[in-house]
Amino acid sequence: MSISEFPCSMEAAEAARASGMQIVAGAPNLVRGGSQSGNIAVRDLLAARFVDILASDYVPRSMLDAAFMISADPGLDYDLPSAVAMVTRNPALAGNLPDRGAIATGLKADLIRVDLQDGQPFVKSAWRSGNRVA
């Protein structure tokens, strides 16, 4: 086992980290302000540095929102590139897909261009394999 998905408590996250696991948390939990089922809030896991990857779970757009929320939260101390890596490079590497998830020569050119409108991120355009699709 190398990945812990959605630890339900701080103790579970601590055990996963002690075992050398990468930790996946749900972006909707952060966007909503907590778990819908009473589990630990992702913000608490982020503050303890126990999140490596954010998953969309049941709200695909939540990964984009979460990355911007994390970088804007002064209590979390993550910059935007680190927060974006939680939804791009980190999951790619954890899934053994080293050819994607970052902007670098030789990697797949799947990109989105994002802008903020009234503090909310929105996708302005998208590219797949270097070709604009939206």
Foldseek 3Di string as FASTA:
>chain_A
DAEDEADQEVVSLVVNVVVNHAYEHELVLAVVVHDPVNGGRVLVCLLVVSHQAYDPVPHRCSLVQSLLVQCPDPSNPDHSVSSQLNHFVRVCVVVVNNQTRDDDPRHFPWDFDWDADPNGIDTPWIDGSRHTDD
